[in-house]
Amino acid sequence: MTKQQYLDAAEKRYDELQRLNLLTDFYDYESEFVRIWQDLGREVLEKNISTPGNDKRKKKPHDARIRNNK
């Protein structure tokens, strides 16, 4: 993921983050805040490691250190 791709992904969520200021309940604010950042984190992770597999239960090691420990 390039710096520009990251900035574009974060910019897509900027309006959502600003709308949080309209919420008066801290619980709602916090839960939406976490959802937005988890969504951004998932997008960044997927772009950095590749396209995720179809089976969410199966994880493949992407780091050489993990593969060598088997």
PDB file of N, CA and C in Angstrom:
ATOM      1  N   MET A   1       0.858  -1.169   0.000  1.00  0.00           N
ATOM      2  CA  MET A   1       0.000   0.000   0.000  1.00  0.00           C
ATOM      3  C   MET A   1       0.901   1.226   0.000  1.00  0.00           C
ATOM      4  N   THR A   2       0.598   2.120  -0.889  1.00  0.00           N
ATOM      5  CA  THR A   2       1.371   3.354  -0.955  1.00  0.00           C
ATOM      6  C   THR A   2       0.806   4.377   0.025  1.00  0.00           C
ATOM      7  N   LYS A   3       1.580   5.413   0.244  1.00  0.00           N
ATOM      8  CA  LYS A   3       1.132   6.480   1.142  1.00  0.00           C
ATOM      9  C   LYS A   3      -0.147   7.110   0.599  1.00  0.00           C
ATOM     10  N   GLN A   4      -0.209   7.294  -0.705  1.00  0.00           N
ATOM     11  CA  GLN A   4      -1.394   7.904  -1.317  1.00  0.00           C
ATOM     12  C   GLN A   4      -2.623   7.008  -1.165  1.00  0.00           C
ATOM     13  N   GLN A   5      -2.456   5.704  -1.299  1.00  0.00           N
ATOM     14  CA  GLN A   5      -3.574   4.783  -1.114  1.00  0.00           C
ATOM     15  C   GLN A   5      -4.089   4.845   0.319  1.00  0.00           C
ATOM     16  N   TYR A   6      -3.160   4.940   1.272  1.00  0.00           N
ATOM     17  CA  TYR A   6      -3.572   5.052   2.669  1.00  0.00           C
ATOM     18  C   TYR A   6      -4.335   6.350   2.906  1.00  0.00           C
ATOM     19  N   LEU A   7      -3.802   7.447   2.385  1.00  0.00           N
ATOM     20  CA  LEU A   7      -4.462   8.741   2.565  1.00  0.00           C
ATOM     21  C   LEU A   7      -5.851   8.749   1.930  1.00  0.00           C
ATOM     22  N   ASP A   8      -5.988   8.111   0.785  1.00  0.00           N
ATOM     23  CA  ASP A   8      -7.300   8.023   0.133  1.00  0.00           C
ATOM     24  C   ASP A   8      -8.281   7.224   0.988  1.00  0.00           C
ATOM     25  N   ALA A   9      -7.809   6.113   1.553  1.00  0.00           N
ATOM     26  CA  ALA A   9      -8.667   5.274   2.399  1.00  0.00           C
ATOM     27  C   ALA A   9      -9.091   6.035   3.655  1.00  0.00           C
ATOM     28  N   ALA A  10      -8.159   6.764   4.259  1.00  0.00           N
ATOM     29  CA  ALA A  10      -8.484   7.542   5.458  1.00  0.00           C
ATOM     30  C   ALA A  10      -9.430   8.693   5.112  1.00  0.00           C
ATOM     31  N   GLU A  11      -9.217   9.305   3.967  1.00  0.00           N
ATOM     32  CA  GLU A  11     -10.068  10.426   3.551  1.00  0.00           C
ATOM     33  C   GLU A  11     -11.515   9.974   3.333  1.00  0.00           C
ATOM     34  N   LYS A  12     -11.692   8.736   2.859  1.00  0.00           N
ATOM     35  CA  LYS A  12     -13.056   8.219   2.666  1.00  0.00           C
ATOM     36  C   LYS A  12     -13.823   8.159   3.979  1.00  0.00           C
ATOM     37  N   ARG A  13     -13.111   8.028   5.085  1.00  0.00           N
ATOM     38  CA  ARG A  13     -13.754   7.893   6.394  1.00  0.00           C
ATOM     39  C   ARG A  13     -13.800   9.195   7.185  1.00  0.00           C
ATOM     40  N   TYR A  14     -13.233  10.255   6.638  1.00  0.00           N
ATOM     41  CA  TYR A  14     -13.170  11.523   7.355  1.00  0.00           C
ATOM     42  C   TYR A  14     -14.565  12.055   7.691  1.00  0.00           C
ATOM     43  N   ASP A  15     -15.472  12.036   6.731  1.00  0.00           N
ATOM     44  CA  ASP A  15     -16.832  12.541   6.979  1.00  0.00           C
ATOM     45  C   ASP A  15     -17.544  11.728   8.056  1.00  0.00           C
ATOM     46  N   GLU A  16     -17.314  10.415   8.053  1.00  0.00           N
ATOM     47  CA  GLU A  16     -17.906   9.570   9.098  1.00  0.00           C
ATOM     48  C   GLU A  16     -17.385   9.972  10.478  1.00  0.00           C
ATOM     49  N   LEU A  17     -16.088  10.222  10.556  1.00  0.00           N
ATOM     50  CA  LEU A  17     -15.501  10.638  11.833  1.00  0.00           C
ATOM     51  C   LEU A  17     -16.043  11.983  12.283  1.00  0.00           C
ATOM     52  N   GLN A  18     -16.263  12.888  11.366  1.00  0.00           N
ATOM     53  CA  GLN A  18     -16.802  14.199  11.715  1.00  0.00           C
ATOM     54  C   GLN A  18     -18.249  14.106  12.191  1.00  0.00           C
ATOM     55  N   ARG A  19     -19.017  13.183  11.600  1.00  0.00           N
ATOM     56  CA  ARG A  19     -20.413  12.999  12.016  1.00  0.00           C
ATOM     57  C   ARG A  19     -20.517  12.484  13.451  1.00  0.00           C
ATOM     58  N   LEU A  20     -19.466  11.862  13.935  1.00  0.00           N
ATOM     59  CA  LEU A  20     -19.469  11.370  15.315  1.00  0.00           C
ATOM     60  C   LEU A  20     -19.645  12.513  16.308  1.00  0.00           C
ATOM     61  N   ASN A  21     -19.207  13.700  15.932  1.00  0.00           N
ATOM     62  CA  ASN A  21     -19.330  14.851  16.837  1.00  0.00           C
ATOM     63  C   ASN A  21     -20.784  15.235  17.095  1.00  0.00           C
ATOM     64  N   LEU A  22     -21.693  14.747  16.274  1.00  0.00           N
ATOM     65  CA  LEU A  22     -23.115  15.040  16.465  1.00  0.00           C
ATOM     66  C   LEU A  22     -23.753  14.126  17.514  1.00  0.00           C
ATOM     67  N   LEU A  23     -23.086  13.037  17.839  1.00  0.00           N
ATOM     68  CA  LEU A  23     -23.623  12.095  18.814  1.00  0.00           C
ATOM     69  C   LEU A  23     -23.450  12.643  20.228  1.00  0.00           C
ATOM     70  N   THR A  24     -24.454  12.447  21.044  1.00  0.00           N
ATOM     71  CA  THR A  24     -24.377  12.922  22.428  1.00  0.00           C
ATOM     72  C   THR A  24     -24.098  11.799  23.412  1.00  0.00           C
ATOM     73  N   ASP A  25     -24.318  10.572  23.008  1.00  0.00           N
ATOM     74  CA  ASP A  25     -24.085   9.410  23.866  1.00  0.00           C
ATOM     75  C   ASP A  25     -22.657   8.900  23.629  1.00  0.00           C
ATOM     76  N   PHE A  26     -21.856   8.886  24.704  1.00  0.00           N
ATOM     77  CA  PHE A  26     -20.462   8.484  24.565  1.00  0.00           C
ATOM     78  C   PHE A  26     -20.333   7.031  24.113  1.00  0.00           C
ATOM     79  N   TYR A  27     -21.207   6.159  24.564  1.00  0.00           N
ATOM     80  CA  TYR A  27     -21.153   4.752  24.160  1.00  0.00           C
ATOM     81  C   TYR A  27     -21.318   4.628  22.648  1.00  0.00           C
ATOM     82  N   ASP A  28     -22.294   5.334  22.083  1.00  0.00           N
ATOM     83  CA  ASP A  28     -22.502   5.305  20.632  1.00  0.00           C
ATOM     84  C   ASP A  28     -21.292   5.876  19.897  1.00  0.00           C
ATOM     85  N   TYR A  29     -20.746   6.976  20.439  1.00  0.00           N
ATOM     86  CA  TYR A  29     -19.574   7.594  19.840  1.00  0.00           C
ATOM     87  C   TYR A  29     -18.417   6.598  19.795  1.00  0.00           C
ATOM     88  N   GLU A  30     -18.159   5.971  20.942  1.00  0.00           N
ATOM     89  CA  GLU A  30     -17.039   5.048  21.035  1.00  0.00           C
ATOM     90  C   GLU A  30     -17.218   3.840  20.124  1.00  0.00           C
ATOM     91  N   SER A  31     -18.395   3.262  20.095  1.00  0.00           N
ATOM     92  CA  SER A  31     -18.608   2.062  19.279  1.00  0.00           C
ATOM     93  C   SER A  31     -18.493   2.384  17.789  1.00  0.00           C
ATOM     94  N   GLU A  32     -18.995   3.529  17.360  1.00  0.00           N
ATOM     95  CA  GLU A  32     -18.861   3.920  15.953  1.00  0.00           C
ATOM     96  C   GLU A  32     -17.410   4.265  15.614  1.00  0.00           C
ATOM     97  N   PHE A  33     -16.730   4.924  16.536  1.00  0.00           N
ATOM     98  CA  PHE A  33     -15.322   5.265  16.345  1.00  0.00           C
ATOM     99  C   PHE A  33     -14.499   3.993  16.134  1.00  0.00           C
ATOM    100  N   VAL A  34     -14.720   3.005  16.982  1.00  0.00           N
ATOM    101  CA  VAL A  34     -13.999   1.736  16.880  1.00  0.00           C
ATOM    102  C   VAL A  34     -14.319   1.052  15.556  1.00  0.00           C
ATOM    103  N   ARG A  35     -15.579   1.056  15.158  1.00  0.00           N
ATOM    104  CA  ARG A  35     -15.979   0.423  13.899  1.00  0.00           C
ATOM    105  C   ARG A  35     -15.263   1.063  12.713  1.00  0.00           C
ATOM    106  N   ILE A  36     -15.210   2.390  12.690  1.00  0.00           N
ATOM    107  CA  ILE A  36     -14.570   3.101  11.577  1.00  0.00           C
ATOM    108  C   ILE A  36     -13.085   2.753  11.504  1.00  0.00           C
ATOM    109  N   TRP A  37     -12.400   2.775  12.647  1.00  0.00           N
ATOM    110  CA  TRP A  37     -10.962   2.507  12.642  1.00  0.00           C
ATOM    111  C   TRP A  37     -10.658   1.041  12.371  1.00  0.00           C
ATOM    112  N   GLN A  38     -11.516   0.124  12.812  1.00  0.00           N
ATOM    113  CA  GLN A  38     -11.311  -1.289  12.488  1.00  0.00           C
ATOM    114  C   GLN A  38     -11.478  -1.517  10.994  1.00  0.00           C
ATOM    115  N   ASP A  39     -12.439  -0.836  10.403  1.00  0.00           N
ATOM    116  CA  ASP A  39     -12.660  -0.950   8.964  1.00  0.00           C
ATOM    117  C   ASP A  39     -11.440  -0.438   8.198  1.00  0.00           C
ATOM    118  N   LEU A  40     -10.908   0.701   8.621  1.00  0.00           N
ATOM    119  CA  LEU A  40      -9.708   1.236   7.976  1.00  0.00           C
ATOM    120  C   LEU A  40      -8.526   0.288   8.191  1.00  0.00           C
ATOM    121  N   GLY A  41      -8.356  -0.209   9.394  1.00  0.00           N
ATOM    122  CA  GLY A  41      -7.272  -1.144   9.682  1.00  0.00           C
ATOM    123  C   GLY A  41      -7.359  -2.406   8.855  1.00  0.00           C
ATOM    124  N   ARG A  42      -8.565  -2.930   8.697  1.00  0.00           N
ATOM    125  CA  ARG A  42      -8.758  -4.140   7.883  1.00  0.00           C
ATOM    126  C   ARG A  42      -8.360  -3.870   6.442  1.00  0.00           C
ATOM    127  N   GLU A  43      -8.764  -2.713   5.908  1.00  0.00           N
ATOM    128  CA  GLU A  43      -8.422  -2.367   4.524  1.00  0.00           C
ATOM    129  C   GLU A  43      -6.907  -2.239   4.353  1.00  0.00           C
ATOM    130  N   VAL A  44      -6.247  -1.592   5.284  1.00  0.00           N
ATOM    131  CA  VAL A  44      -4.795  -1.428   5.213  1.00  0.00           C
ATOM    132  C   VAL A  44      -4.107  -2.784   5.300  1.00  0.00           C
ATOM    133  N   LEU A  45      -4.521  -3.608   6.238  1.00  0.00           N
ATOM    134  CA  LEU A  45      -3.919  -4.935   6.398  1.00  0.00           C
ATOM    135  C   LEU A  45      -4.095  -5.774   5.141  1.00  0.00           C
ATOM    136  N   GLU A  46      -5.286  -5.799   4.585  1.00  0.00           N
ATOM    137  CA  GLU A  46      -5.538  -6.605   3.397  1.00  0.00           C
ATOM    138  C   GLU A  46      -4.718  -6.124   2.218  1.00  0.00           C
ATOM    139  N   LYS A  47      -4.578  -4.819   2.060  1.00  0.00           N
ATOM    140  CA  LYS A  47      -3.778  -4.311   0.939  1.00  0.00           C
ATOM    141  C   LYS A  47      -2.302  -4.604   1.140  1.00  0.00           C
ATOM    142  N   ASN A  48      -1.853  -4.633   2.391  1.00  0.00           N
ATOM    143  CA  ASN A  48      -0.436  -4.870   2.652  1.00  0.00           C
ATOM    144  C   ASN A  48      -0.050  -6.336   2.544  1.00  0.00           C
ATOM    145  N   ILE A  49      -0.940  -7.254   2.876  1.00  0.00           N
ATOM    146  CA  ILE A  49      -0.546  -8.670   2.860  1.00  0.00           C
ATOM    147  C   ILE A  49      -1.067  -9.428   1.652  1.00  0.00           C
ATOM    148  N   SER A  50      -2.017  -8.892   0.934  1.00  0.00           N
ATOM    149  CA  SER A  50      -2.588  -9.484  -0.273  1.00  0.00           C
ATOM    150  C   SER A  50      -4.092  -9.617  -0.120  1.00  0.00           C
ATOM    151  N   THR A  51      -4.692 -10.247  -1.061  1.00  0.00           N
ATOM    152  CA  THR A  51      -6.128 -10.469  -1.026  1.00  0.00           C
ATOM    153  C   THR A  51      -6.448 -11.583  -0.042  1.00  0.00           C
ATOM    154  N   PRO A  52      -7.413 -11.372   0.850  1.00  0.00           N
ATOM    155  CA  PRO A  52      -7.735 -12.414   1.822  1.00  0.00           C
ATOM    156  C   PRO A  52      -8.362 -13.633   1.150  1.00  0.00           C
ATOM    157  N   GLY A  53      -8.153 -14.799   1.756  1.00  0.00           N
ATOM    158  CA  GLY A  53      -8.731 -16.022   1.222  1.00  0.00           C
ATOM    159  C   GLY A  53     -10.224 -16.092   1.469  1.00  0.00           C
ATOM    160  N   ASN A  54     -10.878 -17.048   0.839  1.00  0.00           N
ATOM    161  CA  ASN A  54     -12.317 -17.211   0.993  1.00  0.00           C
ATOM    162  C   ASN A  54     -12.686 -17.843   2.327  1.00  0.00           C
ATOM    163  N   ASP A  55     -11.829 -18.714   2.837  1.00  0.00           N
ATOM    164  CA  ASP A  55     -12.089 -19.398   4.094  1.00  0.00           C
ATOM    165  C   ASP A  55     -11.482 -18.583   5.232  1.00  0.00           C
ATOM    166  N   LYS A  56     -12.318 -17.916   6.014  1.00  0.00           N
ATOM    167  CA  LYS A  56     -11.824 -17.040   7.066  1.00  0.00           C
ATOM    168  C   LYS A  56     -11.213 -17.820   8.229  1.00  0.00           C
ATOM    169  N   ARG A  57     -11.468 -19.121   8.308  1.00  0.00           N
ATOM    170  CA  ARG A  57     -10.905 -19.932   9.388  1.00  0.00           C
ATOM    171  C   ARG A  57      -9.452 -20.298   9.119  1.00  0.00           C
ATOM    172  N   LYS A  58      -9.053 -20.319   7.868  1.00  0.00           N
ATOM    173  CA  LYS A  58      -7.712 -20.755   7.508  1.00  0.00           C
ATOM    174  C   LYS A  58      -6.797 -19.533   7.381  1.00  0.00           C
ATOM    175  N   LYS A  59      -5.719 -19.533   8.147  1.00  0.00           N
ATOM    176  CA  LYS A  59      -4.759 -18.437   8.094  1.00  0.00           C
ATOM    177  C   LYS A  59      -3.442 -18.979   7.550  1.00  0.00           C
ATOM    178  N   LYS A  60      -2.854 -18.240   6.650  1.00  0.00           N
ATOM    179  CA  LYS A  60      -1.577 -18.630   6.078  1.00  0.00           C
ATOM    180  C   LYS A  60      -0.506 -17.685   6.598  1.00  0.00           C
ATOM    181  N   PRO A  61       0.641 -18.221   6.976  1.00  0.00           N
ATOM    182  CA  PRO A  61       1.722 -17.345   7.438  1.00  0.00           C
ATOM    183  C   PRO A  61       2.293 -16.550   6.278  1.00  0.00           C
ATOM    184  N   HIS A  62       2.451 -15.268   6.484  1.00  0.00           N
ATOM    185  CA  HIS A  62       2.995 -14.392   5.447  1.00  0.00           C
ATOM    186  C   HIS A  62       4.396 -13.934   5.815  1.00  0.00           C
ATOM    187  N   ASP A  63       4.892 -14.378   6.940  1.00  0.00           N
ATOM    188  CA  ASP A  63       6.185 -13.960   7.437  1.00  0.00           C
ATOM    189  C   ASP A  63       7.122 -15.167   7.426  1.00  0.00           C
ATOM    190  N   ALA A  64       8.332 -14.990   6.940  1.00  0.00           N
ATOM    191  CA  ALA A  64       9.279 -16.103   6.844  1.00  0.00           C
ATOM    192  C   ALA A  64       9.585 -16.712   8.199  1.00  0.00           C
ATOM    193  N   ARG A  65       9.591 -15.898   9.254  1.00  0.00           N
ATOM    194  CA  ARG A  65       9.865 -16.427  10.597  1.00  0.00           C
ATOM    195  C   ARG A  65       8.801 -17.428  11.014  1.00  0.00           C
ATOM    196  N   ILE A  66       7.563 -17.181  10.656  1.00  0.00           N
ATOM    197  CA  ILE A  66       6.469 -18.087  11.030  1.00  0.00           C
ATOM    198  C   ILE A  66       6.615 -19.395  10.270  1.00  0.00           C
ATOM    199  N   ARG A  67       6.928 -19.324   8.967  1.00  0.00           N
ATOM    200  CA  ARG A  67       7.055 -20.536   8.150  1.00  0.00           C
ATOM    201  C   ARG A  67       8.212 -21.401   8.618  1.00  0.00           C
ATOM    202  N   ASN A  68       9.286 -20.813   9.080  1.00  0.00           N
ATOM    203  CA  ASN A  68      10.457 -21.573   9.499  1.00  0.00           C
ATOM    204  C   ASN A  68      10.285 -22.262  10.834  1.00  0.00           C
ATOM    205  N   ASN A  69       9.317 -21.828  11.640  1.00  0.00           N
ATOM    206  CA  ASN A  69       9.103 -22.431  12.959  1.00  0.00           C
ATOM    207  C   ASN A  69       8.266 -23.695  12.909  1.00  0.00           C
ATOM    208  N   LYS A  70       7.753 -24.065  11.792  1.00  0.00           N
ATOM    209  CA  LYS A  70       6.901 -25.250  11.693  1.00  0.00           C
ATOM    210  C   LYS A  70       7.695 -26.516  11.672  1.00  0.00           C
TER     211      LYS A  70
END
